[in-house]
N, C-alpha and C. Protein backbone atom coordinates (compact mmCIF):
# COMPACT_ATOMS: atom_id res chain seq x y z
N MET A 1 84.68 -26.24 -46.38
CA MET A 1 85.11 -25.59 -47.77
C MET A 1 84.65 -24.09 -47.97
N ILE A 2 85.68 -23.53 -48.58
CA ILE A 2 85.67 -22.16 -48.86
C ILE A 2 85.06 -21.87 -50.30
N ARG A 3 84.28 -21.25 -50.44
CA ARG A 3 83.82 -20.78 -52.11
C ARG A 3 84.19 -19.36 -52.22
N ARG A 4 84.66 -19.29 -53.06
CA ARG A 4 85.21 -17.67 -53.70
C ARG A 4 84.12 -17.08 -54.53
N ARG A 5 83.83 -16.07 -54.28
CA ARG A 5 82.93 -15.34 -55.45
C ARG A 5 83.95 -14.64 -56.47
N ARG A 6 83.60 -15.06 -57.75
CA ARG A 6 84.50 -14.43 -58.92
C ARG A 6 83.69 -13.31 -59.22
N GLY A 7 84.49 -12.50 -59.75
CA GLY A 7 83.53 -11.17 -60.18
C GLY A 7 83.07 -10.27 -59.40
N THR A 8 83.30 -10.46 -58.15
CA THR A 8 82.24 -9.48 -57.23
C THR A 8 82.93 -7.93 -57.33
N LEU A 9 84.32 -7.90 -57.37
CA LEU A 9 85.05 -6.83 -57.51
C LEU A 9 84.92 -6.17 -58.89
N GLY A 10 84.76 -6.97 -59.85
CA GLY A 10 84.34 -6.50 -61.31
C GLY A 10 82.89 -5.83 -61.15
N ARG A 11 82.11 -6.59 -60.66
CA ARG A 11 80.71 -6.00 -60.52
C ARG A 11 80.64 -4.55 -59.77
N HIS A 12 81.09 -4.42 -58.68
CA HIS A 12 81.32 -3.19 -57.94
C HIS A 12 81.76 -1.97 -58.80
N GLY A 13 83.10 -2.32 -59.58
CA GLY A 13 83.81 -1.46 -60.41
C GLY A 13 82.84 -0.98 -61.36
N ALA A 14 81.81 -2.04 -62.14
CA ALA A 14 80.96 -1.40 -63.05
C ALA A 14 79.69 -0.49 -62.57
N VAL A 15 79.32 -0.87 -61.24
CA VAL A 15 78.50 -0.05 -60.80
C VAL A 15 79.16 1.43 -60.50
N LEU A 16 80.42 1.44 -60.10
CA LEU A 16 80.84 2.67 -59.92
C LEU A 16 80.97 3.57 -61.16
N LEU A 17 81.35 2.73 -62.29
CA LEU A 17 81.48 3.46 -63.68
C LEU A 17 80.14 3.82 -64.12
N GLU A 18 79.03 3.16 -64.14
CA GLU A 18 77.87 3.58 -64.42
C GLU A 18 77.30 4.85 -63.49
N PHE A 19 77.62 4.78 -62.51
CA PHE A 19 77.46 6.05 -61.69
C PHE A 19 78.09 7.30 -61.97
N ALA A 20 79.41 7.02 -62.42
CA ALA A 20 80.27 8.32 -62.84
C ALA A 20 79.84 8.63 -64.06
N LEU A 21 79.16 7.82 -64.92
CA LEU A 21 78.71 8.21 -66.30
C LEU A 21 77.40 8.93 -66.07
N THR A 22 76.28 8.37 -65.38
CA THR A 22 75.19 9.03 -65.13
C THR A 22 74.79 9.76 -64.15
N GLY A 23 75.57 9.64 -63.15
CA GLY A 23 75.78 10.83 -61.90
C GLY A 23 75.42 12.08 -62.33
N PRO A 24 76.37 12.85 -63.06
CA PRO A 24 76.42 14.09 -63.44
C PRO A 24 74.90 14.51 -64.15
N MET A 25 74.56 13.45 -65.12
CA MET A 25 73.26 14.05 -65.75
C MET A 25 72.08 13.82 -64.93
N LEU A 26 72.23 13.00 -64.01
CA LEU A 26 70.92 13.02 -62.92
C LEU A 26 70.96 14.34 -62.07
N PHE A 27 72.24 14.67 -61.64
CA PHE A 27 72.40 15.96 -60.96
C PHE A 27 72.09 17.33 -61.85
N ALA A 28 72.31 17.34 -62.97
CA ALA A 28 71.99 18.39 -64.00
C ALA A 28 70.41 18.46 -64.22
N LEU A 29 70.00 17.21 -64.20
CA LEU A 29 68.45 16.93 -64.39
C LEU A 29 67.72 17.54 -62.92
N MET A 30 68.14 16.86 -61.96
CA MET A 30 67.33 17.50 -60.71
C MET A 30 67.71 18.92 -60.60
N MET A 31 68.87 19.55 -60.82
CA MET A 31 69.05 21.08 -60.70
C MET A 31 68.21 21.87 -61.65
N THR A 32 67.89 21.24 -62.70
CA THR A 32 67.00 21.78 -63.90
C THR A 32 65.77 21.92 -63.28
N VAL A 33 65.27 20.66 -62.75
CA VAL A 33 63.84 20.67 -62.14
C VAL A 33 63.58 21.72 -60.83
N LEU A 34 64.80 21.81 -60.02
CA LEU A 34 64.61 22.62 -58.84
C LEU A 34 64.80 24.10 -59.38
N GLU A 35 65.44 24.55 -60.18
CA GLU A 35 65.59 25.97 -60.95
C GLU A 35 64.20 26.20 -61.54
N GLY A 36 63.67 25.27 -62.35
CA GLY A 36 62.33 25.41 -62.91
C GLY A 36 61.23 25.78 -61.82
N ALA A 37 61.40 24.96 -60.66
CA ALA A 37 60.45 25.06 -59.42
C ALA A 37 60.44 26.51 -58.93
N TRP A 38 61.56 27.05 -58.76
CA TRP A 38 61.94 28.07 -58.11
C TRP A 38 61.31 29.35 -59.04
N GLN A 39 61.77 29.20 -60.04
CA GLN A 39 61.30 30.46 -61.17
C GLN A 39 59.75 30.34 -61.37
N ALA A 40 59.34 29.35 -61.22
CA ALA A 40 57.63 29.18 -61.22
C ALA A 40 57.15 29.88 -59.88
N LEU A 41 57.59 29.50 -58.79
CA LEU A 41 57.15 29.95 -57.68
C LEU A 41 57.32 31.64 -57.76
N THR A 42 58.37 31.98 -58.21
CA THR A 42 58.65 33.41 -58.14
C THR A 42 57.56 34.27 -58.92
N ALA A 43 57.06 33.68 -60.23
CA ALA A 43 56.14 34.07 -60.99
C ALA A 43 54.93 34.09 -60.40
N ALA A 44 54.59 33.02 -59.63
CA ALA A 44 53.24 32.79 -59.00
C ALA A 44 53.12 33.92 -57.90
N THR A 45 54.06 33.87 -57.16
CA THR A 45 54.12 34.82 -56.10
C THR A 45 54.05 36.25 -56.46
N LEU A 46 54.56 36.59 -57.62
CA LEU A 46 54.33 38.09 -58.20
C LEU A 46 52.97 38.36 -58.64
N ASP A 47 52.63 37.17 -59.47
CA ASP A 47 51.23 37.51 -59.80
C ASP A 47 50.21 37.58 -58.60
N ILE A 48 50.29 36.77 -57.51
CA ILE A 48 49.39 37.14 -56.49
C ILE A 48 49.72 38.23 -55.54
N GLY A 49 50.90 38.71 -55.53
CA GLY A 49 51.13 40.30 -55.23
C GLY A 49 50.40 41.24 -55.99
N ALA A 50 50.56 40.96 -57.27
CA ALA A 50 49.80 42.08 -58.18
C ALA A 50 48.35 42.11 -58.04
N ARG A 51 47.84 40.80 -57.84
CA ARG A 51 46.32 40.78 -57.66
C ARG A 51 46.06 41.26 -56.34
N GLU A 52 46.74 40.88 -55.20
CA GLU A 52 46.18 41.41 -53.89
C GLU A 52 46.53 43.04 -53.93
N ALA A 53 47.59 43.72 -54.72
CA ALA A 53 47.85 45.11 -54.56
C ALA A 53 46.80 45.57 -55.42
N SER A 54 46.54 45.14 -56.48
CA SER A 54 45.30 45.75 -57.32
C SER A 54 44.12 45.65 -56.50
N ARG A 55 43.71 45.01 -55.94
CA ARG A 55 42.62 44.76 -54.99
C ARG A 55 42.45 45.71 -53.99
N PHE A 56 43.77 45.97 -53.32
CA PHE A 56 43.74 46.93 -52.42
C PHE A 56 43.51 48.40 -52.92
N GLY A 57 44.42 48.64 -53.97
CA GLY A 57 44.38 49.95 -54.59
C GLY A 57 42.94 50.32 -55.10
N ALA A 58 42.22 49.44 -55.64
CA ALA A 58 40.88 49.96 -56.06
C ALA A 58 39.98 49.99 -55.32
N THR A 59 40.05 50.24 -53.75
CA THR A 59 39.31 50.56 -52.84
C THR A 59 39.59 51.77 -52.46
N GLY A 60 40.60 52.50 -52.61
CA GLY A 60 40.95 53.83 -52.13
C GLY A 60 41.45 54.02 -50.81
N GLN A 61 41.92 53.10 -50.16
CA GLN A 61 42.21 53.14 -48.68
C GLN A 61 43.72 53.56 -48.79
N ALA A 62 44.06 54.12 -47.62
CA ALA A 62 45.44 54.76 -47.45
C ALA A 62 46.22 53.57 -46.98
N MET A 63 45.72 52.51 -46.18
CA MET A 63 46.65 51.41 -45.86
C MET A 63 45.69 50.34 -45.37
N PRO A 64 45.78 49.02 -45.84
CA PRO A 64 45.02 47.77 -45.40
C PRO A 64 45.51 47.82 -43.98
N ASP A 65 44.15 47.35 -43.21
CA ASP A 65 44.34 47.19 -41.74
C ASP A 65 45.07 45.92 -41.26
N TRP A 66 45.50 45.13 -41.97
CA TRP A 66 46.19 43.69 -42.04
C TRP A 66 47.92 44.16 -42.28
N LEU A 67 48.23 45.07 -42.90
CA LEU A 67 49.60 45.41 -42.88
C LEU A 67 50.25 45.85 -41.86
N PRO A 68 51.48 44.90 -41.58
CA PRO A 68 52.21 45.27 -40.22
C PRO A 68 52.70 46.83 -40.20
N PRO A 69 52.82 47.28 -39.06
CA PRO A 69 53.81 48.74 -39.28
C PRO A 69 55.07 48.56 -39.70
N PRO A 70 55.61 49.46 -40.16
CA PRO A 70 55.23 51.00 -39.93
C PRO A 70 54.28 51.28 -41.05
N ALA A 71 53.39 52.66 -40.71
CA ALA A 71 52.44 52.74 -41.97
C ALA A 71 53.01 53.47 -42.93
N PRO A 72 52.61 53.05 -44.19
CA PRO A 72 53.16 53.90 -45.45
C PRO A 72 52.82 55.05 -45.78
N THR A 73 53.61 56.07 -46.35
CA THR A 73 53.23 57.29 -46.29
C THR A 73 52.46 57.57 -47.56
N THR A 74 52.16 56.91 -48.71
CA THR A 74 51.56 56.82 -49.86
C THR A 74 50.87 55.82 -49.92
N ARG A 75 49.94 55.80 -50.95
CA ARG A 75 49.11 54.63 -51.67
C ARG A 75 49.90 54.02 -52.37
N GLU A 76 51.09 54.30 -53.03
CA GLU A 76 51.97 53.78 -53.97
C GLU A 76 52.91 52.80 -53.20
N GLU A 77 53.44 53.55 -52.10
CA GLU A 77 54.38 52.66 -51.12
C GLU A 77 53.47 51.65 -50.65
N ALA A 78 52.19 51.81 -50.27
CA ALA A 78 51.20 50.71 -49.56
C ALA A 78 51.18 49.63 -50.50
N VAL A 79 50.92 50.00 -51.93
CA VAL A 79 50.99 48.78 -52.90
C VAL A 79 52.15 47.95 -53.01
N ARG A 80 53.32 48.59 -53.17
CA ARG A 80 54.61 47.82 -52.63
C ARG A 80 54.68 46.94 -51.77
N ARG A 81 54.34 47.59 -50.43
CA ARG A 81 54.54 46.63 -49.24
C ARG A 81 53.52 45.48 -49.36
N VAL A 82 52.23 45.96 -50.11
CA VAL A 82 51.31 44.66 -50.08
C VAL A 82 51.92 43.61 -50.98
N VAL A 83 52.60 43.89 -52.11
CA VAL A 83 53.18 42.89 -52.92
C VAL A 83 54.36 41.99 -52.12
N LEU A 84 54.98 42.85 -51.24
CA LEU A 84 56.19 42.02 -50.78
C LEU A 84 55.64 41.36 -49.53
N HIS A 85 54.39 41.84 -49.08
CA HIS A 85 53.77 41.06 -48.05
C HIS A 85 53.34 39.34 -48.14
N PHE A 86 53.10 39.33 -49.67
CA PHE A 86 52.59 37.99 -50.15
C PHE A 86 53.68 37.17 -50.61
N GLY A 87 55.02 37.55 -50.59
CA GLY A 87 56.29 36.91 -50.97
C GLY A 87 57.21 37.08 -50.21
N PRO A 88 57.17 36.80 -48.96
CA PRO A 88 58.27 37.15 -47.75
C PRO A 88 59.43 36.35 -47.83
N TYR A 89 59.24 35.26 -48.48
CA TYR A 89 60.50 34.54 -48.47
C TYR A 89 61.04 34.08 -49.99
N VAL A 90 60.29 34.85 -50.90
CA VAL A 90 60.55 34.64 -52.26
C VAL A 90 61.06 36.09 -52.84
N LEU A 91 60.23 37.12 -52.62
CA LEU A 91 60.62 38.29 -53.11
C LEU A 91 61.48 39.29 -52.08
N GLN A 92 62.45 39.85 -52.82
CA GLN A 92 63.25 40.91 -52.07
C GLN A 92 63.01 42.08 -52.46
N GLN A 93 62.98 43.03 -51.54
CA GLN A 93 62.58 44.56 -51.83
C GLN A 93 63.61 45.21 -52.77
N ASP A 94 64.78 45.06 -52.91
CA ASP A 94 65.67 45.56 -53.81
C ASP A 94 65.63 45.17 -55.14
N ARG A 95 64.84 43.98 -55.52
CA ARG A 95 64.91 43.36 -56.72
C ARG A 95 63.38 43.58 -57.38
N LEU A 96 62.49 44.29 -56.66
CA LEU A 96 61.30 44.40 -57.16
C LEU A 96 60.95 45.95 -57.68
N SER A 97 60.46 46.29 -58.70
CA SER A 97 60.05 47.31 -59.32
C SER A 97 58.51 47.57 -59.46
N VAL A 98 57.81 48.51 -58.98
CA VAL A 98 56.42 48.67 -59.23
C VAL A 98 56.16 49.88 -59.54
N THR A 99 55.16 49.84 -60.76
CA THR A 99 54.84 51.06 -61.57
C THR A 99 53.25 51.11 -61.28
N VAL A 100 52.82 52.33 -60.94
CA VAL A 100 51.26 52.26 -61.01
C VAL A 100 51.18 53.59 -61.70
N GLN A 101 50.23 53.38 -62.77
CA GLN A 101 49.79 54.49 -63.99
C GLN A 101 48.43 54.75 -63.79
N VAL A 102 47.87 55.71 -63.87
CA VAL A 102 46.29 55.95 -63.95
C VAL A 102 46.06 56.63 -65.54
N PHE A 103 45.10 55.95 -65.96
CA PHE A 103 44.51 56.46 -67.05
C PHE A 103 43.00 56.87 -66.77
N ALA A 104 42.44 57.56 -67.74
CA ALA A 104 41.17 58.14 -67.62
C ALA A 104 40.08 56.95 -67.59
N ASP A 105 40.32 56.37 -68.77
CA ASP A 105 39.48 55.11 -69.03
C ASP A 105 40.26 53.92 -69.60
N ALA A 106 39.44 52.83 -69.87
CA ALA A 106 40.09 51.84 -70.33
C ALA A 106 40.58 52.05 -71.97
N ALA A 107 39.82 53.14 -72.57
CA ALA A 107 40.34 53.27 -73.86
C ALA A 107 41.47 54.14 -73.89
N ALA A 108 41.94 54.91 -72.92
CA ALA A 108 43.15 55.61 -72.95
C ALA A 108 44.36 54.83 -72.75
N LEU A 109 44.33 53.34 -72.45
CA LEU A 109 45.17 52.57 -72.17
C LEU A 109 46.20 52.22 -73.56
N SER A 110 45.54 52.42 -74.63
CA SER A 110 46.37 52.43 -75.97
C SER A 110 46.71 53.61 -76.58
N ALA A 111 46.29 54.82 -75.69
CA ALA A 111 47.11 56.08 -76.46
C ALA A 111 48.21 56.37 -75.47
N PRO A 112 49.42 56.42 -76.61
CA PRO A 112 50.63 56.87 -75.71
C PRO A 112 50.69 58.26 -75.14
N GLY A 113 51.38 58.54 -73.97
CA GLY A 113 51.38 59.42 -73.19
C GLY A 113 49.97 59.95 -72.21
N SER A 114 49.18 58.77 -72.38
CA SER A 114 47.82 59.48 -71.79
C SER A 114 47.90 59.08 -70.20
N ALA A 115 48.93 58.40 -69.69
CA ALA A 115 49.05 57.96 -68.33
C ALA A 115 49.64 58.91 -67.42
N ARG A 116 49.45 58.80 -66.38
CA ARG A 116 49.96 59.51 -65.13
C ARG A 116 50.41 58.67 -63.90
N ALA A 117 51.44 59.09 -63.31
CA ALA A 117 51.83 58.24 -62.18
C ALA A 117 50.88 58.35 -60.83
N GLY A 118 50.67 57.32 -60.24
CA GLY A 118 50.04 57.22 -58.94
C GLY A 118 48.95 56.22 -59.07
N ALA A 119 47.95 56.15 -57.94
CA ALA A 119 47.11 55.00 -57.66
C ALA A 119 45.88 55.44 -58.25
N GLY A 120 45.28 56.66 -58.69
CA GLY A 120 44.24 57.29 -59.31
C GLY A 120 43.23 57.48 -58.07
N GLY A 121 42.33 58.22 -58.68
CA GLY A 121 41.15 58.31 -57.77
C GLY A 121 39.67 57.50 -58.22
N ALA A 122 38.88 57.83 -57.67
CA ALA A 122 37.57 57.23 -57.79
C ALA A 122 37.07 56.91 -59.41
N SER A 123 36.80 55.69 -59.75
CA SER A 123 36.37 55.19 -61.04
C SER A 123 37.45 55.45 -62.29
N GLU A 124 38.70 55.58 -61.90
CA GLU A 124 39.71 55.74 -62.68
C GLU A 124 40.42 54.26 -62.99
N THR A 125 40.82 54.06 -64.19
CA THR A 125 41.46 53.06 -64.66
C THR A 125 43.03 53.15 -64.11
N VAL A 126 43.59 52.06 -63.49
CA VAL A 126 44.92 51.96 -62.94
C VAL A 126 45.42 50.74 -63.50
N MET A 127 46.85 50.88 -64.04
CA MET A 127 47.64 49.80 -64.32
C MET A 127 48.71 49.45 -63.53
N TYR A 128 48.85 48.36 -62.70
CA TYR A 128 49.68 47.99 -62.04
C TYR A 128 51.02 47.08 -62.73
N ASP A 129 52.09 47.49 -62.76
CA ASP A 129 53.15 46.83 -63.71
C ASP A 129 54.47 46.48 -62.62
N LEU A 130 54.37 45.20 -62.43
CA LEU A 130 55.43 44.85 -61.36
C LEU A 130 56.56 44.01 -62.34
N SER A 131 57.71 44.04 -61.90
CA SER A 131 58.92 43.53 -62.45
C SER A 131 59.79 43.06 -61.20
N TYR A 132 60.36 41.73 -61.47
CA TYR A 132 60.93 41.20 -60.57
C TYR A 132 62.30 40.67 -61.06
N GLN A 133 63.44 40.79 -60.53
CA GLN A 133 65.02 39.90 -61.18
C GLN A 133 65.07 38.92 -60.11
N GLN A 134 65.05 37.74 -60.53
CA GLN A 134 65.25 36.43 -59.77
C GLN A 134 66.49 35.86 -59.99
N PRO A 135 67.52 35.97 -59.27
CA PRO A 135 68.64 35.34 -59.49
C PRO A 135 68.53 33.53 -59.73
N PHE A 136 69.40 33.05 -60.57
CA PHE A 136 69.50 31.64 -60.70
C PHE A 136 69.97 31.03 -59.54
N LEU A 137 69.42 29.69 -58.99
CA LEU A 137 70.01 29.03 -58.02
C LEU A 137 71.34 28.39 -58.47
N SER A 138 71.32 27.97 -59.41
CA SER A 138 72.67 27.12 -60.05
C SER A 138 73.17 27.84 -60.94
N PRO A 139 74.59 27.46 -61.59
CA PRO A 139 75.37 28.06 -62.71
C PRO A 139 74.84 27.52 -63.79
N PHE A 140 74.05 26.47 -63.96
CA PHE A 140 73.50 26.05 -65.22
C PHE A 140 72.88 26.81 -66.27
N PRO A 141 72.04 27.64 -65.91
CA PRO A 141 71.00 28.71 -66.50
C PRO A 141 72.05 29.83 -66.82
N MET A 142 72.91 30.24 -65.80
CA MET A 142 73.83 31.37 -66.32
C MET A 142 74.76 31.03 -67.45
N LEU A 143 75.25 29.44 -67.33
CA LEU A 143 76.08 29.15 -68.88
C LEU A 143 75.25 29.07 -70.04
N VAL A 144 73.75 28.72 -69.93
CA VAL A 144 73.50 28.50 -71.23
C VAL A 144 72.86 29.87 -71.67
N LEU A 145 72.12 30.72 -70.77
CA LEU A 145 71.49 31.73 -71.10
C LEU A 145 72.31 33.00 -71.10
N GLY A 146 73.51 32.82 -70.46
CA GLY A 146 74.52 34.07 -70.39
C GLY A 146 74.21 35.25 -69.52
N ARG A 147 73.27 35.02 -68.80
CA ARG A 147 72.73 36.09 -67.78
C ARG A 147 72.67 35.42 -66.19
N THR A 148 72.63 36.19 -65.42
CA THR A 148 72.66 35.91 -63.92
C THR A 148 71.10 35.83 -63.40
N SER A 149 70.20 36.43 -63.95
CA SER A 149 68.76 36.37 -63.31
C SER A 149 67.92 36.28 -64.38
N LEU A 150 66.66 35.99 -64.09
CA LEU A 150 65.36 35.93 -64.87
C LEU A 150 64.55 37.04 -64.30
N GLU A 151 64.22 37.78 -65.40
CA GLU A 151 62.85 38.77 -65.17
C GLU A 151 61.61 38.28 -65.13
N HIS A 152 60.85 38.58 -64.07
CA HIS A 152 59.50 38.25 -64.05
C HIS A 152 58.69 39.46 -64.16
N ARG A 153 57.48 39.28 -64.96
CA ARG A 153 56.85 40.41 -65.19
C ARG A 153 55.35 40.16 -64.84
N SER A 154 54.48 41.25 -64.12
CA SER A 154 52.93 40.88 -63.85
C SER A 154 52.33 42.27 -64.14
N ARG A 155 51.32 42.17 -64.83
CA ARG A 155 50.55 43.54 -64.94
C ARG A 155 49.17 43.16 -64.40
N MET A 156 48.44 44.11 -63.85
CA MET A 156 47.27 44.30 -63.71
C MET A 156 46.31 45.53 -64.06
N ILE A 157 45.29 45.37 -64.76
CA ILE A 157 44.59 46.66 -65.07
C ILE A 157 43.18 46.61 -64.26
N VAL A 158 43.02 47.49 -63.61
CA VAL A 158 41.63 47.56 -62.80
C VAL A 158 40.87 48.95 -62.69
N ARG A 159 39.79 48.80 -62.63
CA ARG A 159 38.96 50.26 -62.27
C ARG A 159 38.74 50.20 -61.06
N ASN A 160 39.13 51.40 -60.43
CA ASN A 160 39.06 51.92 -58.99
C ASN A 160 37.52 51.97 -58.78
N GLU A 161 37.11 51.34 -57.62
CA GLU A 161 35.76 51.59 -57.01
C GLU A 161 35.41 52.93 -56.93
N PRO A 162 34.04 53.32 -57.02
CA PRO A 162 33.63 54.85 -56.59
C PRO A 162 33.86 55.06 -55.42
N PHE A 163 35.05 55.29 -54.75
CA PHE A 163 35.15 55.62 -53.43
C PHE A 163 35.29 57.13 -53.19
N PRO A 164 34.86 57.42 -52.03
CA PRO A 164 34.86 59.14 -51.81
C PRO A 164 36.06 59.64 -51.68
N PRO A 165 36.25 60.84 -52.26
CA PRO A 165 37.72 61.43 -52.08
C PRO A 165 38.03 61.60 -50.66
N PRO A 166 39.50 61.53 -50.38
CA PRO A 166 40.08 61.85 -48.80
C PRO A 166 39.75 62.92 -48.29
């Protein structure tokens, strides 16, 4: 005796229809989670780079001994290289902007025009301002936000150690 299954083809068709309706939503949700994780990783990497660069800059060294060659020509270039060293697979050099400004003291931070460029001398207050443009992984944020990348910023304000002049 042969038994026939009725409705097997109908059930398979229903599964395909349900997947066709829910699949795009699941894919969009997955891409949103991946995009959020990628942008969060970029922000965290930039913060770590800013922290390590400001820690290096506060010591007054010309170059950290752990930084691979070639040797940077200025302390400002060394600061940039330190930031890039801590984000080798996330941060790209052409999308990173590093501004280092020196203030006489912490009170001068609020006074417009009181800053000068550079990593500063002993016991001076220095602000490290990092900006990074991270492009989106998928076209969904581009469509929603109307732009192709997200700007990440990180600022660190430190007081240099009382290191001896060079």
